[in-house]
Amino acid sequence: MIVIQSIRISEVSIEYLKKRRLEKQYLKAKKLILAGRFSNVDLKIREPKKERIWYFRINKQFRALCELEWDILYVLAIDNHQK
């Protein structure tokens, strides 16, 4: 069972969220992850698994690409899933 204590986000990702007005949706997804409700945001590891990149859904269009170290999830980038 994965337990995530905190989520850290890069400055580039914060700017990406602000530019596309996704802050509120991101904060909702973050709250769900910290509550352990991973299925609500579709938190999964990407293929190939050896790269150890995780992702979660912000909304139907955008995904956050992350790296998990111990109990901290680092958001590396936000990706437009539909392009």
PDB file of N, CA and C in Angstrom:
ATOM      1  N   MET A   1       0.835  -1.190   0.000  1.00  0.00           N
ATOM      2  CA  MET A   1       0.000   0.000   0.000  1.00  0.00           C
ATOM      3  C   MET A   1       0.876   1.249   0.000  1.00  0.00           C
ATOM      4  N   ILE A   2       0.616   2.138  -0.901  1.00  0.00           N
ATOM      5  CA  ILE A   2       1.359   3.386  -1.012  1.00  0.00           C
ATOM      6  C   ILE A   2       0.746   4.417  -0.077  1.00  0.00           C
ATOM      7  N   VAL A   3       1.610   5.105   0.666  1.00  0.00           N
ATOM      8  CA  VAL A   3       1.183   6.213   1.510  1.00  0.00           C
ATOM      9  C   VAL A   3       1.964   7.445   1.079  1.00  0.00           C
ATOM     10  N   ILE A   4       1.259   8.479   0.660  1.00  0.00           N
ATOM     11  CA  ILE A   4       1.900   9.712   0.223  1.00  0.00           C
ATOM     12  C   ILE A   4       1.636  10.786   1.262  1.00  0.00           C
ATOM     13  N   GLN A   5       2.709  11.313   1.848  1.00  0.00           N
ATOM     14  CA  GLN A   5       2.601  12.319   2.903  1.00  0.00           C
ATOM     15  C   GLN A   5       2.568  13.742   2.351  1.00  0.00           C
ATOM     16  N   SER A   6       3.276  13.992   1.240  1.00  0.00           N
ATOM     17  CA  SER A   6       3.280  15.340   0.668  1.00  0.00           C
ATOM     18  C   SER A   6       3.505  15.279  -0.832  1.00  0.00           C
ATOM     19  N   ILE A   7       3.120  16.368  -1.485  1.00  0.00           N
ATOM     20  CA  ILE A   7       3.287  16.501  -2.928  1.00  0.00           C
ATOM     21  C   ILE A   7       4.026  17.805  -3.178  1.00  0.00           C
ATOM     22  N   ARG A   8       5.103  17.716  -3.932  1.00  0.00           N
ATOM     23  CA  ARG A   8       5.879  18.905  -4.282  1.00  0.00           C
ATOM     24  C   ARG A   8       5.801  19.102  -5.782  1.00  0.00           C
ATOM     25  N   ILE A   9       5.739  20.357  -6.192  1.00  0.00           N
ATOM     26  CA  ILE A   9       5.545  20.670  -7.612  1.00  0.00           C
ATOM     27  C   ILE A   9       6.621  21.655  -8.069  1.00  0.00           C
ATOM     28  N   SER A  10       7.087  21.487  -9.295  1.00  0.00           N
ATOM     29  CA  SER A  10       8.122  22.366  -9.844  1.00  0.00           C
ATOM     30  C   SER A  10       7.521  23.720 -10.224  1.00  0.00           C
ATOM     31  N   GLU A  11       8.370  24.728 -10.285  1.00  0.00           N
ATOM     32  CA  GLU A  11       7.927  26.077 -10.657  1.00  0.00           C
ATOM     33  C   GLU A  11       7.364  26.106 -12.079  1.00  0.00           C
ATOM     34  N   VAL A  12       7.968  25.344 -12.964  1.00  0.00           N
ATOM     35  CA  VAL A  12       7.501  25.280 -14.354  1.00  0.00           C
ATOM     36  C   VAL A  12       6.076  24.728 -14.405  1.00  0.00           C
ATOM     37  N   SER A  13       5.813  23.723 -13.594  1.00  0.00           N
ATOM     38  CA  SER A  13       4.485  23.124 -13.561  1.00  0.00           C
ATOM     39  C   SER A  13       3.454  24.084 -12.975  1.00  0.00           C
ATOM     40  N   ILE A  14       3.858  24.866 -11.982  1.00  0.00           N
ATOM     41  CA  ILE A  14       2.954  25.861 -11.398  1.00  0.00           C
ATOM     42  C   ILE A  14       2.558  26.894 -12.458  1.00  0.00           C
ATOM     43  N   GLU A  15       3.531  27.350 -13.223  1.00  0.00           N
ATOM     44  CA  GLU A  15       3.251  28.319 -14.288  1.00  0.00           C
ATOM     45  C   GLU A  15       2.322  27.722 -15.340  1.00  0.00           C
ATOM     46  N   TYR A  16       2.538  26.459 -15.684  1.00  0.00           N
ATOM     47  CA  TYR A  16       1.697  25.763 -16.663  1.00  0.00           C
ATOM     48  C   TYR A  16       0.256  25.711 -16.168  1.00  0.00           C
ATOM     49  N   LEU A  17       0.078  25.393 -14.890  1.00  0.00           N
ATOM     50  CA  LEU A  17      -1.264  25.333 -14.303  1.00  0.00           C
ATOM     51  C   LEU A  17      -1.939  26.698 -14.314  1.00  0.00           C
ATOM     52  N   LYS A  18      -1.203  27.725 -13.937  1.00  0.00           N
ATOM     53  CA  LYS A  18      -1.764  29.077 -13.890  1.00  0.00           C
ATOM     54  C   LYS A  18      -2.151  29.564 -15.278  1.00  0.00           C
ATOM     55  N   LYS A  19      -1.302  29.295 -16.251  1.00  0.00           N
ATOM     56  CA  LYS A  19      -1.553  29.740 -17.619  1.00  0.00           C
ATOM     57  C   LYS A  19      -2.839  29.130 -18.181  1.00  0.00           C
ATOM     58  N   ARG A  20      -3.135  27.910 -17.781  1.00  0.00           N
ATOM     59  CA  ARG A  20      -4.314  27.203 -18.287  1.00  0.00           C
ATOM     60  C   ARG A  20      -5.473  27.170 -17.295  1.00  0.00           C
ATOM     61  N   ARG A  21      -5.327  27.906 -16.198  1.00  0.00           N
ATOM     62  CA  ARG A  21      -6.361  28.022 -15.155  1.00  0.00           C
ATOM     63  C   ARG A  21      -6.786  26.652 -14.607  1.00  0.00           C
ATOM     64  N   LEU A  22      -5.787  25.861 -14.230  1.00  0.00           N
ATOM     65  CA  LEU A  22      -6.031  24.516 -13.715  1.00  0.00           C
ATOM     66  C   LEU A  22      -5.723  24.389 -12.225  1.00  0.00           C
ATOM     67  N   GLU A  23      -5.455  25.515 -11.539  1.00  0.00           N
ATOM     68  CA  GLU A  23      -5.024  25.450 -10.138  1.00  0.00           C
ATOM     69  C   GLU A  23      -6.059  24.762  -9.252  1.00  0.00           C
ATOM     70  N   LYS A  24      -7.322  25.121  -9.411  1.00  0.00           N
ATOM     71  CA  LYS A  24      -8.380  24.567  -8.566  1.00  0.00           C
ATOM     72  C   LYS A  24      -8.521  23.056  -8.778  1.00  0.00           C
ATOM     73  N   GLN A  25      -8.463  22.619 -10.024  1.00  0.00           N
ATOM     74  CA  GLN A  25      -8.580  21.198 -10.330  1.00  0.00           C
ATOM     75  C   GLN A  25      -7.362  20.425  -9.814  1.00  0.00           C
ATOM     76  N   TYR A  26      -6.178  21.036  -9.919  1.00  0.00           N
ATOM     77  CA  TYR A  26      -4.968  20.405  -9.397  1.00  0.00           C
ATOM     78  C   TYR A  26      -5.054  20.250  -7.878  1.00  0.00           C
ATOM     79  N   LEU A  27      -5.498  21.294  -7.189  1.00  0.00           N
ATOM     80  CA  LEU A  27      -5.603  21.234  -5.728  1.00  0.00           C
ATOM     81  C   LEU A  27      -6.600  20.172  -5.281  1.00  0.00           C
ATOM     82  N   LYS A  28      -7.672  19.985  -6.041  1.00  0.00           N
ATOM     83  CA  LYS A  28      -8.653  18.938  -5.720  1.00  0.00           C
ATOM     84  C   LYS A  28      -8.013  17.551  -5.884  1.00  0.00           C
ATOM     85  N   ALA A  29      -7.260  17.365  -6.973  1.00  0.00           N
ATOM     86  CA  ALA A  29      -6.576  16.088  -7.202  1.00  0.00           C
ATOM     87  C   ALA A  29      -5.541  15.833  -6.109  1.00  0.00           C
ATOM     88  N   LYS A  30      -4.819  16.878  -5.719  1.00  0.00           N
ATOM     89  CA  LYS A  30      -3.811  16.759  -4.663  1.00  0.00           C
ATOM     90  C   LYS A  30      -4.459  16.335  -3.343  1.00  0.00           C
ATOM     91  N   LYS A  31      -5.586  16.937  -3.022  1.00  0.00           N
ATOM     92  CA  LYS A  31      -6.315  16.604  -1.801  1.00  0.00           C
ATOM     93  C   LYS A  31      -6.744  15.133  -1.802  1.00  0.00           C
ATOM     94  N   LEU A  32      -7.215  14.648  -2.936  1.00  0.00           N
ATOM     95  CA  LEU A  32      -7.641  13.249  -3.048  1.00  0.00           C
ATOM     96  C   LEU A  32      -6.454  12.295  -2.880  1.00  0.00           C
ATOM     97  N   ILE A  33      -5.315  12.640  -3.449  1.00  0.00           N
ATOM     98  CA  ILE A  33      -4.122  11.787  -3.326  1.00  0.00           C
ATOM     99  C   ILE A  33      -3.668  11.720  -1.879  1.00  0.00           C
ATOM    100  N   LEU A  34      -3.608  12.871  -1.213  1.00  0.00           N
ATOM    101  CA  LEU A  34      -3.167  12.895   0.183  1.00  0.00           C
ATOM    102  C   LEU A  34      -4.146  12.156   1.098  1.00  0.00           C
ATOM    103  N   ALA A  35      -5.404  12.056   0.680  1.00  0.00           N
ATOM    104  CA  ALA A  35      -6.408  11.309   1.439  1.00  0.00           C
ATOM    105  C   ALA A  35      -6.349   9.811   1.132  1.00  0.00           C
ATOM    106  N   GLY A  36      -5.504   9.416   0.152  1.00  0.00           N
ATOM    107  CA  GLY A  36      -5.357   8.004  -0.188  1.00  0.00           C
ATOM    108  C   GLY A  36      -6.374   7.499  -1.185  1.00  0.00           C
ATOM    109  N   ARG A  37      -7.088   8.392  -1.833  1.00  0.00           N
ATOM    110  CA  ARG A  37      -8.119   7.999  -2.803  1.00  0.00           C
ATOM    111  C   ARG A  37      -7.528   8.034  -4.211  1.00  0.00           C
ATOM    112  N   PHE A  38      -6.605   7.114  -4.480  1.00  0.00           N
ATOM    113  CA  PHE A  38      -5.848   7.094  -5.729  1.00  0.00           C
ATOM    114  C   PHE A  38      -6.703   6.777  -6.951  1.00  0.00           C
ATOM    115  N   SER A  39      -7.732   5.967  -6.788  1.00  0.00           N
ATOM    116  CA  SER A  39      -8.564   5.594  -7.931  1.00  0.00           C
ATOM    117  C   SER A  39      -9.363   6.785  -8.458  1.00  0.00           C
ATOM    118  N   ASN A  40      -9.650   7.769  -7.615  1.00  0.00           N
ATOM    119  CA  ASN A  40     -10.396   8.946  -8.059  1.00  0.00           C
ATOM    120  C   ASN A  40      -9.598   9.795  -9.046  1.00  0.00           C
ATOM    121  N   VAL A  41      -8.275   9.797  -8.922  1.00  0.00           N
ATOM    122  CA  VAL A  41      -7.428  10.582  -9.825  1.00  0.00           C
ATOM    123  C   VAL A  41      -6.624   9.692 -10.763  1.00  0.00           C
ATOM    124  N   ASP A  42      -6.850   8.397 -10.691  1.00  0.00           N
ATOM    125  CA  ASP A  42      -6.213   7.437 -11.601  1.00  0.00           C
ATOM    126  C   ASP A  42      -4.692   7.453 -11.467  1.00  0.00           C
ATOM    127  N   LEU A  43      -4.189   7.464 -10.236  1.00  0.00           N
ATOM    128  CA  LEU A  43      -2.746   7.457  -9.981  1.00  0.00           C
ATOM    129  C   LEU A  43      -2.187   6.090 -10.352  1.00  0.00           C
ATOM    130  N   LYS A  44      -1.271   6.077 -11.335  1.00  0.00           N
ATOM    131  CA  LYS A  44      -0.693   4.830 -11.834  1.00  0.00           C
ATOM    132  C   LYS A  44       0.748   5.061 -12.237  1.00  0.00           C
ATOM    133  N   ILE A  45       1.466   3.960 -12.383  1.00  0.00           N
ATOM    134  CA  ILE A  45       2.832   4.027 -12.890  1.00  0.00           C
ATOM    135  C   ILE A  45       2.775   3.849 -14.407  1.00  0.00           C
ATOM    136  N   ARG A  46       3.574   4.651 -15.119  1.00  0.00           N
ATOM    137  CA  ARG A  46       3.594   4.590 -16.582  1.00  0.00           C
ATOM    138  C   ARG A  46       4.455   3.440 -17.061  1.00  0.00           C
ATOM    139  N   GLU A  47       4.158   2.989 -18.244  1.00  0.00           N
ATOM    140  CA  GLU A  47       4.982   1.985 -18.909  1.00  0.00           C
ATOM    141  C   GLU A  47       6.118   2.678 -19.635  1.00  0.00           C
ATOM    142  N   PRO A  48       7.295   2.181 -19.702  1.00  0.00           N
ATOM    143  CA  PRO A  48       7.830   1.017 -19.000  1.00  0.00           C
ATOM    144  C   PRO A  48       8.061   1.342 -17.527  1.00  0.00           C
ATOM    145  N   LYS A  49       7.750   0.404 -16.690  1.00  0.00           N
ATOM    146  CA  LYS A  49       7.798   0.607 -15.250  1.00  0.00           C
ATOM    147  C   LYS A  49       9.200   0.861 -14.725  1.00  0.00           C
ATOM    148  N   LYS A  50      10.214   0.425 -15.454  1.00  0.00           N
ATOM    149  CA  LYS A  50      11.588   0.613 -14.978  1.00  0.00           C
ATOM    150  C   LYS A  50      11.980   2.085 -14.908  1.00  0.00           C
ATOM    151  N   GLU A  51      11.279   2.973 -15.635  1.00  0.00           N
ATOM    152  CA  GLU A  51      11.562   4.403 -15.578  1.00  0.00           C
ATOM    153  C   GLU A  51      10.999   5.059 -14.321  1.00  0.00           C
ATOM    154  N   ARG A  52      10.094   4.373 -13.642  1.00  0.00           N
ATOM    155  CA  ARG A  52       9.519   4.810 -12.373  1.00  0.00           C
ATOM    156  C   ARG A  52       8.853   6.187 -12.445  1.00  0.00           C
ATOM    157  N   ILE A  53       8.155   6.446 -13.554  1.00  0.00           N
ATOM    158  CA  ILE A  53       7.390   7.680 -13.712  1.00  0.00           C
ATOM    159  C   ILE A  53       5.925   7.368 -13.439  1.00  0.00           C
ATOM    160  N   TRP A  54       5.330   8.138 -12.552  1.00  0.00           N
ATOM    161  CA  TRP A  54       3.922   7.994 -12.195  1.00  0.00           C
ATOM    162  C   TRP A  54       3.130   9.119 -12.844  1.00  0.00           C
ATOM    163  N   TYR A  55       1.827   8.949 -12.920  1.00  0.00           N
ATOM    164  CA  TYR A  55       0.980  10.031 -13.406  1.00  0.00           C
ATOM    165  C   TYR A  55      -0.356   9.990 -12.687  1.00  0.00           C
ATOM    166  N   PHE A  56      -1.011  11.152 -12.653  1.00  0.00           N
ATOM    167  CA  PHE A  56      -2.383  11.206 -12.156  1.00  0.00           C
ATOM    168  C   PHE A  56      -3.172  12.202 -12.987  1.00  0.00           C
ATOM    169  N   ARG A  57      -4.476  12.018 -12.987  1.00  0.00           N
ATOM    170  CA  ARG A  57      -5.378  12.822 -13.796  1.00  0.00           C
ATOM    171  C   ARG A  57      -5.751  14.111 -13.053  1.00  0.00           C
ATOM    172  N   ILE A  58      -5.588  15.248 -13.715  1.00  0.00           N
ATOM    173  CA  ILE A  58      -6.064  16.525 -13.182  1.00  0.00           C
ATOM    174  C   ILE A  58      -7.493  16.741 -13.660  1.00  0.00           C
ATOM    175  N   ASN A  59      -7.724  16.529 -14.937  1.00  0.00           N
ATOM    176  CA  ASN A  59      -9.069  16.504 -15.519  1.00  0.00           C
ATOM    177  C   ASN A  59      -9.018  15.573 -16.728  1.00  0.00           C
ATOM    178  N   LYS A  60     -10.028  15.579 -17.552  1.00  0.00           N
ATOM    179  CA  LYS A  60     -10.038  14.658 -18.686  1.00  0.00           C
ATOM    180  C   LYS A  60      -8.908  14.930 -19.672  1.00  0.00           C
ATOM    181  N   GLN A  61      -8.446  16.167 -19.736  1.00  0.00           N
ATOM    182  CA  GLN A  61      -7.446  16.541 -20.725  1.00  0.00           C
ATOM    183  C   GLN A  61      -6.009  16.524 -20.207  1.00  0.00           C
ATOM    184  N   PHE A  62      -5.780  16.878 -18.952  1.00  0.00           N
ATOM    185  CA  PHE A  62      -4.425  17.071 -18.444  1.00  0.00           C
ATOM    186  C   PHE A  62      -4.022  16.018 -17.417  1.00  0.00           C
ATOM    187  N   ARG A  63      -2.745  15.612 -17.491  1.00  0.00           N
ATOM    188  CA  ARG A  63      -2.151  14.657 -16.558  1.00  0.00           C
ATOM    189  C   ARG A  63      -0.905  15.274 -15.940  1.00  0.00           C
ATOM    190  N   ALA A  64      -0.623  14.918 -14.710  1.00  0.00           N
ATOM    191  CA  ALA A  64       0.599  15.345 -14.037  1.00  0.00           C
ATOM    192  C   ALA A  64       1.559  14.167 -14.028  1.00  0.00           C
ATOM    193  N   LEU A  65       2.779  14.386 -14.513  1.00  0.00           N
ATOM    194  CA  LEU A  65       3.809  13.357 -14.515  1.00  0.00           C
ATOM    195  C   LEU A  65       4.654  13.543 -13.263  1.00  0.00           C
ATOM    196  N   CYS A  66       4.890  12.452 -12.537  1.00  0.00           N
ATOM    197  CA  CYS A  66       5.497  12.551 -11.210  1.00  0.00           C
ATOM    198  C   CYS A  66       6.572  11.500 -11.007  1.00  0.00           C
ATOM    199  N   GLU A  67       7.320  11.717  -9.941  1.00  0.00           N
ATOM    200  CA  GLU A  67       8.299  10.749  -9.467  1.00  0.00           C
ATOM    201  C   GLU A  67       8.012  10.521  -7.987  1.00  0.00           C
ATOM    202  N   LEU A  68       7.987   9.284  -7.566  1.00  0.00           N
ATOM    203  CA  LEU A  68       7.681   8.946  -6.183  1.00  0.00           C
ATOM    204  C   LEU A  68       8.949   8.521  -5.465  1.00  0.00           C
ATOM    205  N   GLU A  69       9.298   9.247  -4.407  1.00  0.00           N
ATOM    206  CA  GLU A  69      10.444   8.897  -3.570  1.00  0.00           C
ATOM    207  C   GLU A  69       9.962   8.789  -2.137  1.00  0.00           C
ATOM    208  N   TRP A  70      10.041   7.609  -1.587  1.00  0.00           N
ATOM    209  CA  TRP A  70       9.556   7.298  -0.249  1.00  0.00           C
ATOM    210  C   TRP A  70       8.095   7.690  -0.122  1.00  0.00           C
ATOM    211  N   ASP A  71       7.795   8.749   0.604  1.00  0.00           N
ATOM    212  CA  ASP A  71       6.398   9.149   0.774  1.00  0.00           C
ATOM    213  C   ASP A  71       6.127  10.540   0.208  1.00  0.00           C
ATOM    214  N   ILE A  72       6.997  10.994  -0.706  1.00  0.00           N
ATOM    215  CA  ILE A  72       6.852  12.305  -1.327  1.00  0.00           C
ATOM    216  C   ILE A  72       6.671  12.116  -2.831  1.00  0.00           C
ATOM    217  N   LEU A  73       5.645  12.738  -3.367  1.00  0.00           N
ATOM    218  CA  LEU A  73       5.374  12.696  -4.801  1.00  0.00           C
ATOM    219  C   LEU A  73       5.836  14.020  -5.406  1.00  0.00           C
ATOM    220  N   TYR A  74       6.790  13.962  -6.334  1.00  0.00           N
ATOM    221  CA  TYR A  74       7.331  15.152  -6.989  1.00  0.00           C
ATOM    222  C   TYR A  74       6.686  15.304  -8.362  1.00  0.00           C
ATOM    223  N   VAL A  75       5.944  16.397  -8.573  1.00  0.00           N
ATOM    224  CA  VAL A  75       5.336  16.665  -9.868  1.00  0.00           C
ATOM    225  C   VAL A  75       6.395  17.301 -10.757  1.00  0.00           C
ATOM    226  N   LEU A  76       6.748  16.613 -11.830  1.00  0.00           N
ATOM    227  CA  LEU A  76       7.805  17.061 -12.730  1.00  0.00           C
ATOM    228  C   LEU A  76       7.262  17.903 -13.871  1.00  0.00           C
ATOM    229  N   ALA A  77       6.083  17.530 -14.387  1.00  0.00           N
ATOM    230  CA  ALA A  77       5.524  18.236 -15.539  1.00  0.00           C
ATOM    231  C   ALA A  77       4.021  17.970 -15.620  1.00  0.00           C
ATOM    232  N   ILE A  78       3.349  18.855 -16.327  1.00  0.00           N
ATOM    233  CA  ILE A  78       1.936  18.681 -16.630  1.00  0.00           C
ATOM    234  C   ILE A  78       1.862  18.433 -18.125  1.00  0.00           C
ATOM    235  N   ASP A  79       1.074  17.440 -18.523  1.00  0.00           N
ATOM    236  CA  ASP A  79       1.021  17.017 -19.920  1.00  0.00           C
ATOM    237  C   ASP A  79      -0.406  17.103 -20.435  1.00  0.00           C
ATOM    238  N   ASN A  80      -0.539  17.585 -21.685  1.00  0.00           N
ATOM    239  CA  ASN A  80      -1.837  17.568 -22.354  1.00  0.00           C
ATOM    240  C   ASN A  80      -2.028  16.167 -22.907  1.00  0.00           C
ATOM    241  N   HIS A  81      -2.894  15.424 -22.294  1.00  0.00           N
ATOM    242  CA  HIS A  81      -3.094  14.006 -22.586  1.00  0.00           C
ATOM    243  C   HIS A  81      -3.736  13.784 -23.968  1.00  0.00           C
ATOM    244  N   GLN A  82      -4.434  14.772 -24.486  1.00  0.00           N
ATOM    245  CA  GLN A  82      -5.184  14.580 -25.735  1.00  0.00           C
ATOM    246  C   GLN A  82      -4.410  14.961 -26.979  1.00  0.00           C
ATOM    247  N   LYS A  83      -3.211  15.491 -26.835  1.00  0.00           N
ATOM    248  CA  LYS A  83      -2.423  15.856 -28.030  1.00  0.00           C
ATOM    249  C   LYS A  83      -1.639  14.691 -28.527  1.00  0.00           C
TER     250      LYS A  83
END
